[in-house]
């Protein structure tokens, strides 16, 4: 019988105050902050937490999953779970929220067992005081239809070297994208959209989100893809040019990396 129990933790965080998910020697990370809070609440010397991904500095997560192991005599269920959640959220507020802790099989792995991940990148075309760096101010004449035509090419792409951060330790740049598209938020006829943007014109959308789903992502991949799609939207490149960027397998051929603040890890799916 195992002397430990494994748990999955479901959480969300505002990435702006942190230097990414992964623990670092001289900077505050999401992983380190959660590990220290768990150790404090559970009165243990340390608790190692493994996340489903490693978001970069400034990137947020609407949903992150992580796993950790505890001694078998510590059972996090029922009233114990509720008490631990209250304690954790008290320590971690306001930038991190833990929603749920559930026991899983001893060999379940938050990172390696995930079958897909989805990211969202937010943009607005009318200046607003309410975005707080979590949405990108896009040119009003950005051609989202042209960007969507180019984004379709991602569904038939395997090698994403052109969108990968240079000099990483990854063994392969092969990824499989199953969805990639821009869509309006509110459709341009939403009362809340007009309030958020301060725009009285409801004739066209002013809030947009790019959503992309894949089995895995490379470092900086989504921000590089969005930056290159923006080149298409500005009319500096067409869909054929976007395809050529991919075929060159050269990061220097792609567009600039977009700001981190508007990027969110949105969803992680598992086969169980």
C-alpha atoms as a PDB file:
ATOM      1  CA  UNK A   1       0.000   0.000   0.000  1.00  0.00           C
ATOM      2  CA  UNK A   2       1.359   3.420  -0.944  1.00  0.00           C
ATOM      3  CA  UNK A   3       2.524   5.705   1.862  1.00  0.00           C
ATOM      4  CA  UNK A   4       1.306   8.771  -0.060  1.00  0.00           C
ATOM      5  CA  UNK A   5      -1.888  10.035  -1.660  1.00  0.00           C
ATOM      6  CA  UNK A   6      -1.931  12.069  -4.895  1.00  0.00           C
ATOM      7  CA  UNK A   7      -4.253  15.021  -5.403  1.00  0.00           C
ATOM      8  CA  UNK A   8      -5.224  17.208  -8.345  1.00  0.00           C
ATOM      9  CA  UNK A   9      -5.692  20.894  -7.606  1.00  0.00           C
ATOM     10  CA  UNK A  10      -7.876  23.096  -9.842  1.00  0.00           C
ATOM     11  CA  UNK A  11      -6.979  26.770  -9.667  1.00  0.00           C
ATOM     12  CA  UNK A  12      -6.811  30.137 -11.422  1.00  0.00           C
ATOM     13  CA  UNK A  13      -4.356  33.005 -11.136  1.00  0.00           C
ATOM     14  CA  UNK A  14      -3.571  36.499 -12.290  1.00  0.00           C
ATOM     15  CA  UNK A  15      -0.125  36.146 -13.816  1.00  0.00           C
ATOM     16  CA  UNK A  16       0.808  39.833 -13.871  1.00  0.00           C
ATOM     17  CA  UNK A  17       2.435  39.899 -10.388  1.00  0.00           C
ATOM     18  CA  UNK A  18       4.437  36.694 -11.008  1.00  0.00           C
ATOM     19  CA  UNK A  19       7.484  35.676 -12.997  1.00  0.00           C
ATOM     20  CA  UNK A  20       5.701  32.732 -14.574  1.00  0.00           C
ATOM     21  CA  UNK A  21       4.483  29.438 -13.161  1.00  0.00           C
ATOM     22  CA  UNK A  22       7.804  27.678 -12.592  1.00  0.00           C
ATOM     23  CA  UNK A  23       9.801  28.144  -9.402  1.00  0.00           C
ATOM     24  CA  UNK A  24      12.853  30.385  -9.918  1.00  0.00           C
ATOM     25  CA  UNK A  25      15.810  31.146  -7.632  1.00  0.00           C
ATOM     26  CA  UNK A  26      15.485  34.952  -7.571  1.00  0.00           C
ATOM     27  CA  UNK A  27      11.885  35.735  -8.520  1.00  0.00           C
ATOM     28  CA  UNK A  28       8.402  35.034  -7.196  1.00  0.00           C
ATOM     29  CA  UNK A  29       6.517  32.358  -9.161  1.00  0.00           C
ATOM     30  CA  UNK A  30       3.022  30.901  -8.938  1.00  0.00           C
ATOM     31  CA  UNK A  31       4.396  27.422  -8.196  1.00  0.00           C
ATOM     32  CA  UNK A  32       6.551  28.630  -5.299  1.00  0.00           C
ATOM     33  CA  UNK A  33       3.718  30.675  -3.799  1.00  0.00           C
ATOM     34  CA  UNK A  34       1.319  27.709  -3.829  1.00  0.00           C
ATOM     35  CA  UNK A  35       3.923  25.287  -2.459  1.00  0.00           C
ATOM     36  CA  UNK A  36       4.676  27.577   0.463  1.00  0.00           C
ATOM     37  CA  UNK A  37       0.970  28.068   1.209  1.00  0.00           C
ATOM     38  CA  UNK A  38       0.308  24.308   1.151  1.00  0.00           C
ATOM     39  CA  UNK A  39       3.227  23.631   3.485  1.00  0.00           C
ATOM     40  CA  UNK A  40       1.954  26.291   5.893  1.00  0.00           C
ATOM     41  CA  UNK A  41      -1.667  25.088   5.936  1.00  0.00           C
ATOM     42  CA  UNK A  42      -0.760  21.389   6.185  1.00  0.00           C
ATOM     43  CA  UNK A  43       2.106  21.985   8.639  1.00  0.00           C
ATOM     44  CA  UNK A  44       4.585  20.086   6.495  1.00  0.00           C
ATOM     45  CA  UNK A  45       8.248  20.948   5.777  1.00  0.00           C
ATOM     46  CA  UNK A  46       7.485  21.188   2.065  1.00  0.00           C
ATOM     47  CA  UNK A  47       4.946  20.181  -0.584  1.00  0.00           C
ATOM     48  CA  UNK A  48       6.071  19.845  -4.214  1.00  0.00           C
ATOM     49  CA  UNK A  49       3.495  20.914  -6.808  1.00  0.00           C
ATOM     50  CA  UNK A  50       3.622  19.926 -10.496  1.00  0.00           C
ATOM     51  CA  UNK A  51       1.602  22.023 -12.925  1.00  0.00           C
ATOM     52  CA  UNK A  52      -0.022  20.992 -16.184  1.00  0.00           C
ATOM     53  CA  UNK A  53       2.055  23.619 -17.968  1.00  0.00           C
ATOM     54  CA  UNK A  54       4.597  26.372 -17.473  1.00  0.00           C
ATOM     55  CA  UNK A  55       3.031  29.715 -18.251  1.00  0.00           C
ATOM     56  CA  UNK A  56       5.488  32.539 -18.935  1.00  0.00           C
ATOM     57  CA  UNK A  57       5.952  35.664 -16.863  1.00  0.00           C
ATOM     58  CA  UNK A  58       2.783  37.759 -16.886  1.00  0.00           C
ATOM     59  CA  UNK A  59       0.572  35.049 -18.415  1.00  0.00           C
ATOM     60  CA  UNK A  60      -2.584  34.215 -16.456  1.00  0.00           C
ATOM     61  CA  UNK A  61      -4.654  31.049 -16.106  1.00  0.00           C
ATOM     62  CA  UNK A  62      -8.428  30.914 -15.955  1.00  0.00           C
ATOM     63  CA  UNK A  63      -7.914  27.235 -15.275  1.00  0.00           C
ATOM     64  CA  UNK A  64      -4.726  25.472 -14.248  1.00  0.00           C
ATOM     65  CA  UNK A  65      -4.434  21.931 -12.939  1.00  0.00           C
ATOM     66  CA  UNK A  66      -1.574  20.772 -10.730  1.00  0.00           C
ATOM     67  CA  UNK A  67      -0.839  17.679  -8.678  1.00  0.00           C
ATOM     68  CA  UNK A  68       0.876  17.101  -5.358  1.00  0.00           C
ATOM     69  CA  UNK A  69       1.487  14.180  -2.991  1.00  0.00           C
ATOM     70  CA  UNK A  70       0.713  14.053   0.710  1.00  0.00           C
ATOM     71  CA  UNK A  71       1.466  11.478   3.420  1.00  0.00           C
ATOM     72  CA  UNK A  72      -1.263   8.820   3.396  1.00  0.00           C
ATOM     73  CA  UNK A  73      -2.537   9.759   6.851  1.00  0.00           C
ATOM     74  CA  UNK A  74      -3.519  13.240   5.563  1.00  0.00           C
ATOM     75  CA  UNK A  75      -6.874  12.898   3.832  1.00  0.00           C
ATOM     76  CA  UNK A  76      -8.196  15.913   1.910  1.00  0.00           C
ATOM     77  CA  UNK A  77     -11.893  15.137   1.528  1.00  0.00           C
ATOM     78  CA  UNK A  78     -15.201  16.510   2.791  1.00  0.00           C
ATOM     79  CA  UNK A  79     -14.839  18.960   5.663  1.00  0.00           C
ATOM     80  CA  UNK A  80     -11.044  18.669   5.517  1.00  0.00           C
ATOM     81  CA  UNK A  81     -11.015  19.803   1.890  1.00  0.00           C
ATOM     82  CA  UNK A  82     -13.286  22.756   2.660  1.00  0.00           C
ATOM     83  CA  UNK A  83     -11.101  23.786   5.601  1.00  0.00           C
ATOM     84  CA  UNK A  84      -7.897  23.528   3.559  1.00  0.00           C
ATOM     85  CA  UNK A  85      -9.433  25.467   0.673  1.00  0.00           C
ATOM     86  CA  UNK A  86     -10.452  28.266   3.028  1.00  0.00           C
ATOM     87  CA  UNK A  87      -6.965  28.425   4.480  1.00  0.00           C
ATOM     88  CA  UNK A  88      -5.215  28.359   1.110  1.00  0.00           C
ATOM     89  CA  UNK A  89      -7.428  31.013  -0.419  1.00  0.00           C
ATOM     90  CA  UNK A  90      -6.933  33.222   2.609  1.00  0.00           C
ATOM     91  CA  UNK A  91      -3.150  33.028   2.178  1.00  0.00           C
ATOM     92  CA  UNK A  92      -3.117  33.261  -1.622  1.00  0.00           C
ATOM     93  CA  UNK A  93      -5.672  36.043  -2.178  1.00  0.00           C
ATOM     94  CA  UNK A  94      -6.141  38.073  -4.263  1.00  0.00           C
ATOM     95  CA  UNK A  95      -4.011  36.793  -7.159  1.00  0.00           C
ATOM     96  CA  UNK A  96      -4.490  33.009  -6.844  1.00  0.00           C
ATOM     97  CA  UNK A  97      -7.708  31.076  -6.204  1.00  0.00           C
ATOM     98  CA  UNK A  98      -7.905  27.331  -5.491  1.00  0.00           C
ATOM     99  CA  UNK A  99     -11.293  25.954  -6.558  1.00  0.00           C
ATOM    100  CA  UNK A 100     -11.045  22.263  -5.872  1.00  0.00           C
ATOM    101  CA  UNK A 101      -8.757  19.524  -4.541  1.00  0.00           C
ATOM    102  CA  UNK A 102      -9.557  15.926  -5.444  1.00  0.00           C
ATOM    103  CA  UNK A 103      -7.775  12.630  -4.875  1.00  0.00           C
ATOM    104  CA  UNK A 104      -6.619  10.821  -8.027  1.00  0.00           C
ATOM    105  CA  UNK A 105      -4.779   7.622  -8.878  1.00  0.00           C
ATOM    106  CA  UNK A 106      -1.197   7.468  -7.554  1.00  0.00           C
ATOM    107  CA  UNK A 107       0.214   7.558 -11.104  1.00  0.00           C
ATOM    108  CA  UNK A 108      -2.021  10.371 -12.416  1.00  0.00           C
ATOM    109  CA  UNK A 109       0.068  13.249 -13.768  1.00  0.00           C
ATOM    110  CA  UNK A 110      -1.213  16.797 -14.268  1.00  0.00           C
ATOM    111  CA  UNK A 111       1.217  17.507 -17.111  1.00  0.00           C
ATOM    112  CA  UNK A 112       1.787  14.258 -18.965  1.00  0.00           C
ATOM    113  CA  UNK A 113      -1.793  12.970 -18.812  1.00  0.00           C
ATOM    114  CA  UNK A 114      -3.347  16.103 -20.320  1.00  0.00           C
ATOM    115  CA  UNK A 115      -4.685  15.430 -23.833  1.00  0.00           C
ATOM    116  CA  UNK A 116      -5.303  19.050 -24.827  1.00  0.00           C
ATOM    117  CA  UNK A 117      -4.808  22.615 -23.676  1.00  0.00           C
ATOM    118  CA  UNK A 118      -6.564  25.790 -24.794  1.00  0.00           C
ATOM    119  CA  UNK A 119      -5.280  29.344 -24.616  1.00  0.00           C
ATOM    120  CA  UNK A 120      -7.123  32.602 -25.183  1.00  0.00           C
ATOM    121  CA  UNK A 121      -5.649  35.940 -26.239  1.00  0.00           C
ATOM    122  CA  UNK A 122      -7.832  39.026 -25.695  1.00  0.00           C
ATOM    123  CA  UNK A 123      -7.921  42.216 -27.773  1.00  0.00           C
ATOM    124  CA  UNK A 124     -10.032  45.355 -27.905  1.00  0.00           C
ATOM    125  CA  UNK A 125     -10.244  47.971 -30.649  1.00  0.00           C
ATOM    126  CA  UNK A 126     -11.532  50.889 -28.559  1.00  0.00           C
ATOM    127  CA  UNK A 127      -9.413  52.305 -25.759  1.00  0.00           C
ATOM    128  CA  UNK A 128     -10.727  51.307 -22.334  1.00  0.00           C
ATOM    129  CA  UNK A 129      -9.742  52.030 -18.718  1.00  0.00           C
ATOM    130  CA  UNK A 130     -11.021  48.614 -17.589  1.00  0.00           C
ATOM    131  CA  UNK A 131      -8.705  46.091 -19.258  1.00  0.00           C
ATOM    132  CA  UNK A 132      -5.824  46.492 -16.806  1.00  0.00           C
ATOM    133  CA  UNK A 133      -3.216  45.153 -19.216  1.00  0.00           C
ATOM    134  CA  UNK A 134      -5.194  41.951 -19.736  1.00  0.00           C
ATOM    135  CA  UNK A 135      -6.368  42.873 -23.230  1.00  0.00           C
ATOM    136  CA  UNK A 136      -4.347  44.222 -26.160  1.00  0.00           C
ATOM    137  CA  UNK A 137      -5.361  47.507 -27.779  1.00  0.00           C
ATOM    138  CA  UNK A 138      -5.622  46.520 -31.459  1.00  0.00           C
ATOM    139  CA  UNK A 139      -5.864  48.843 -34.460  1.00  0.00           C
ATOM    140  CA  UNK A 140      -9.502  49.609 -35.267  1.00  0.00           C
ATOM    141  CA  UNK A 141      -9.014  48.523 -38.887  1.00  0.00           C
ATOM    142  CA  UNK A 142      -7.427  45.148 -38.078  1.00  0.00           C
ATOM    143  CA  UNK A 143      -8.777  42.554 -40.538  1.00  0.00           C
ATOM    144  CA  UNK A 144      -9.958  39.687 -38.310  1.00  0.00           C
ATOM    145  CA  UNK A 145     -11.441  37.799 -41.272  1.00  0.00           C
ATOM    146  CA  UNK A 146      -8.046  37.688 -42.985  1.00  0.00           C
ATOM    147  CA  UNK A 147      -6.437  36.545 -39.739  1.00  0.00           C
ATOM    148  CA  UNK A 148      -8.951  33.708 -39.469  1.00  0.00           C
ATOM    149  CA  UNK A 149      -8.186  32.573 -43.002  1.00  0.00           C
ATOM    150  CA  UNK A 150      -4.490  32.402 -42.086  1.00  0.00           C
ATOM    151  CA  UNK A 151      -5.237  30.707 -38.763  1.00  0.00           C
ATOM    152  CA  UNK A 152      -6.830  27.771 -40.601  1.00  0.00           C
ATOM    153  CA  UNK A 153      -3.338  26.853 -41.844  1.00  0.00           C
ATOM    154  CA  UNK A 154      -2.355  26.040 -38.261  1.00  0.00           C
ATOM    155  CA  UNK A 155      -4.735  23.065 -38.306  1.00  0.00           C
ATOM    156  CA  UNK A 156      -2.654  21.368 -41.004  1.00  0.00           C
ATOM    157  CA  UNK A 157       0.721  22.300 -39.495  1.00  0.00           C
ATOM    158  CA  UNK A 158       2.902  19.959 -37.453  1.00  0.00           C
ATOM    159  CA  UNK A 159       6.256  21.715 -37.093  1.00  0.00           C
ATOM    160  CA  UNK A 160       5.928  24.963 -35.120  1.00  0.00           C
ATOM    161  CA  UNK A 161       9.626  25.885 -35.027  1.00  0.00           C
ATOM    162  CA  UNK A 162       8.848  29.328 -36.481  1.00  0.00           C
ATOM    163  CA  UNK A 163       6.772  30.128 -33.393  1.00  0.00           C
ATOM    164  CA  UNK A 164       9.033  28.651 -30.729  1.00  0.00           C
ATOM    165  CA  UNK A 165      11.291  30.578 -28.382  1.00  0.00           C
ATOM    166  CA  UNK A 166      14.919  29.988 -29.330  1.00  0.00           C
ATOM    167  CA  UNK A 167      17.354  27.861 -27.298  1.00  0.00           C
ATOM    168  CA  UNK A 168      14.822  25.873 -25.277  1.00  0.00           C
ATOM    169  CA  UNK A 169      15.361  22.360 -23.937  1.00  0.00           C
ATOM    170  CA  UNK A 170      12.358  20.880 -25.771  1.00  0.00           C
ATOM    171  CA  UNK A 171      13.083  17.720 -27.760  1.00  0.00           C
ATOM    172  CA  UNK A 172      10.591  18.349 -30.554  1.00  0.00           C
ATOM    173  CA  UNK A 173       8.668  21.265 -32.045  1.00  0.00           C
ATOM    174  CA  UNK A 174       5.861  19.024 -33.301  1.00  0.00           C
ATOM    175  CA  UNK A 175       2.383  20.030 -32.088  1.00  0.00           C
ATOM    176  CA  UNK A 176      -1.137  19.256 -33.280  1.00  0.00           C
ATOM    177  CA  UNK A 177      -3.558  22.186 -33.287  1.00  0.00           C
ATOM    178  CA  UNK A 178      -7.252  21.270 -33.417  1.00  0.00           C
ATOM    179  CA  UNK A 179      -8.784  24.742 -33.179  1.00  0.00           C
ATOM    180  CA  UNK A 180      -7.508  28.262 -33.904  1.00  0.00           C
ATOM    181  CA  UNK A 181      -9.787  31.237 -34.549  1.00  0.00           C
ATOM    182  CA  UNK A 182     -10.631  34.815 -33.628  1.00  0.00           C
ATOM    183  CA  UNK A 183     -14.183  35.557 -32.579  1.00  0.00           C
ATOM    184  CA  UNK A 184     -15.963  38.652 -31.281  1.00  0.00           C
ATOM    185  CA  UNK A 185     -17.019  38.872 -27.663  1.00  0.00           C
ATOM    186  CA  UNK A 186     -20.526  40.237 -27.418  1.00  0.00           C
ATOM    187  CA  UNK A 187     -20.975  40.465 -31.199  1.00  0.00           C
ATOM    188  CA  UNK A 188     -20.920  44.261 -31.200  1.00  0.00           C
ATOM    189  CA  UNK A 189     -24.518  44.438 -29.918  1.00  0.00           C
ATOM    190  CA  UNK A 190     -23.972  43.836 -26.222  1.00  0.00           C
ATOM    191  CA  UNK A 191     -24.799  46.355 -23.513  1.00  0.00           C
ATOM    192  CA  UNK A 192     -21.919  45.177 -21.354  1.00  0.00           C
ATOM    193  CA  UNK A 193     -19.461  45.481 -24.234  1.00  0.00           C
ATOM    194  CA  UNK A 194     -20.383  49.131 -24.736  1.00  0.00           C
ATOM    195  CA  UNK A 195     -19.935  49.745 -21.027  1.00  0.00           C
ATOM    196  CA  UNK A 196     -16.548  48.018 -20.853  1.00  0.00           C
ATOM    197  CA  UNK A 197     -15.143  49.804 -23.891  1.00  0.00           C
ATOM    198  CA  UNK A 198     -16.956  53.100 -23.479  1.00  0.00           C
ATOM    199  CA  UNK A 199     -17.950  52.830 -27.125  1.00  0.00           C
ATOM    200  CA  UNK A 200     -21.505  53.889 -28.025  1.00  0.00           C
ATOM    201  CA  UNK A 201     -21.247  52.394 -31.533  1.00  0.00           C
ATOM    202  CA  UNK A 202     -22.844  48.926 -31.504  1.00  0.00           C
ATOM    203  CA  UNK A 203     -22.511  48.381 -35.245  1.00  0.00           C
ATOM    204  CA  UNK A 204     -19.413  46.193 -34.980  1.00  0.00           C
ATOM    205  CA  UNK A 205     -17.526  44.184 -32.324  1.00  0.00           C
ATOM    206  CA  UNK A 206     -14.848  45.937 -30.319  1.00  0.00           C
ATOM    207  CA  UNK A 207     -13.859  43.028 -28.053  1.00  0.00           C
ATOM    208  CA  UNK A 208     -12.139  40.016 -29.621  1.00  0.00           C
ATOM    209  CA  UNK A 209     -10.584  36.780 -28.415  1.00  0.00           C
ATOM    210  CA  UNK A 210      -8.253  34.374 -30.199  1.00  0.00           C
ATOM    211  CA  UNK A 211      -8.651  30.795 -28.979  1.00  0.00           C
ATOM    212  CA  UNK A 212      -6.242  28.004 -29.846  1.00  0.00           C
ATOM    213  CA  UNK A 213      -6.315  24.355 -28.755  1.00  0.00           C
ATOM    214  CA  UNK A 214      -3.517  21.810 -29.173  1.00  0.00           C
ATOM    215  CA  UNK A 215      -2.084  18.686 -27.601  1.00  0.00           C
ATOM    216  CA  UNK A 216       0.952  20.696 -26.474  1.00  0.00           C
ATOM    217  CA  UNK A 217       2.465  24.165 -26.799  1.00  0.00           C
ATOM    218  CA  UNK A 218       6.017  25.408 -27.155  1.00  0.00           C
ATOM    219  CA  UNK A 219       7.447  28.294 -25.141  1.00  0.00           C
ATOM    220  CA  UNK A 220       6.124  31.621 -26.433  1.00  0.00           C
ATOM    221  CA  UNK A 221       4.216  29.785 -29.190  1.00  0.00           C
ATOM    222  CA  UNK A 222       0.808  31.428 -28.773  1.00  0.00           C
ATOM    223  CA  UNK A 223       2.181  34.953 -28.474  1.00  0.00           C
ATOM    224  CA  UNK A 224       4.324  34.435 -31.578  1.00  0.00           C
ATOM    225  CA  UNK A 225       1.376  33.049 -33.549  1.00  0.00           C
ATOM    226  CA  UNK A 226      -0.809  35.993 -32.539  1.00  0.00           C
ATOM    227  CA  UNK A 227       1.950  38.437 -33.457  1.00  0.00           C
ATOM    228  CA  UNK A 228       2.252  36.896 -36.916  1.00  0.00           C
ATOM    229  CA  UNK A 229      -1.518  36.827 -37.428  1.00  0.00           C
ATOM    230  CA  UNK A 230      -1.560  40.525 -36.557  1.00  0.00           C
ATOM    231  CA  UNK A 231       0.846  41.086 -39.470  1.00  0.00           C
ATOM    232  CA  UNK A 232      -1.829  39.480 -41.664  1.00  0.00           C
ATOM    233  CA  UNK A 233      -4.530  41.631 -40.091  1.00  0.00           C
ATOM    234  CA  UNK A 234      -2.496  44.787 -40.779  1.00  0.00           C
ATOM    235  CA  UNK A 235      -2.211  43.818 -44.453  1.00  0.00           C
ATOM    236  CA  UNK A 236       1.560  43.304 -44.268  1.00  0.00           C
ATOM    237  CA  UNK A 237       1.222  39.593 -45.063  1.00  0.00           C
ATOM    238  CA  UNK A 238      -1.411  37.355 -46.654  1.00  0.00           C
ATOM    239  CA  UNK A 239      -2.338  33.740 -45.891  1.00  0.00           C
ATOM    240  CA  UNK A 240       0.270  32.462 -48.356  1.00  0.00           C
ATOM    241  CA  UNK A 241       2.910  34.550 -46.609  1.00  0.00           C
ATOM    242  CA  UNK A 242       1.787  33.117 -43.280  1.00  0.00           C
ATOM    243  CA  UNK A 243       2.229  29.603 -44.695  1.00  0.00           C
ATOM    244  CA  UNK A 244       5.716  30.537 -45.915  1.00  0.00           C
ATOM    245  CA  UNK A 245       6.648  31.686 -42.404  1.00  0.00           C
ATOM    246  CA  UNK A 246       5.703  28.249 -41.097  1.00  0.00           C
ATOM    247  CA  UNK A 247       7.595  26.445 -43.862  1.00  0.00           C
ATOM    248  CA  UNK A 248      10.803  28.383 -43.158  1.00  0.00           C
ATOM    249  CA  UNK A 249      10.992  26.950 -39.621  1.00  0.00           C
ATOM    250  CA  UNK A 250      12.777  30.104 -38.524  1.00  0.00           C
ATOM    251  CA  UNK A 251      11.636  32.191 -35.550  1.00  0.00           C
ATOM    252  CA  UNK A 252      13.110  35.297 -37.184  1.00  0.00           C
ATOM    253  CA  UNK A 253      10.634  34.922 -40.066  1.00  0.00           C
ATOM    254  CA  UNK A 254       7.596  35.207 -37.788  1.00  0.00           C
ATOM    255  CA  UNK A 255       6.070  38.305 -36.219  1.00  0.00           C
ATOM    256  CA  UNK A 256       7.021  39.825 -32.906  1.00  0.00           C
ATOM    257  CA  UNK A 257       5.920  38.227 -29.647  1.00  0.00           C
ATOM    258  CA  UNK A 258       2.775  39.863 -28.300  1.00  0.00           C
ATOM    259  CA  UNK A 259       2.466  41.225 -24.723  1.00  0.00           C
ATOM    260  CA  UNK A 260       1.937  38.524 -22.083  1.00  0.00           C
ATOM    261  CA  UNK A 261      -0.872  40.171 -20.091  1.00  0.00           C
ATOM    262  CA  UNK A 262      -3.756  39.395 -22.502  1.00  0.00           C
ATOM    263  CA  UNK A 263      -2.855  35.680 -22.688  1.00  0.00           C
ATOM    264  CA  UNK A 264      -4.760  33.161 -20.552  1.00  0.00           C
ATOM    265  CA  UNK A 265      -4.515  29.414 -20.157  1.00  0.00           C
ATOM    266  CA  UNK A 266      -8.216  28.670 -20.579  1.00  0.00           C
ATOM    267  CA  UNK A 267      -8.785  24.921 -20.340  1.00  0.00           C
ATOM    268  CA  UNK A 268      -6.997  21.601 -19.839  1.00  0.00           C
ATOM    269  CA  UNK A 269      -8.629  18.282 -20.701  1.00  0.00           C
ATOM    270  CA  UNK A 270      -7.849  14.808 -19.409  1.00  0.00           C
ATOM    271  CA  UNK A 271      -9.019  11.352 -20.528  1.00  0.00           C
ATOM    272  CA  UNK A 272     -10.483  10.711 -17.070  1.00  0.00           C
END
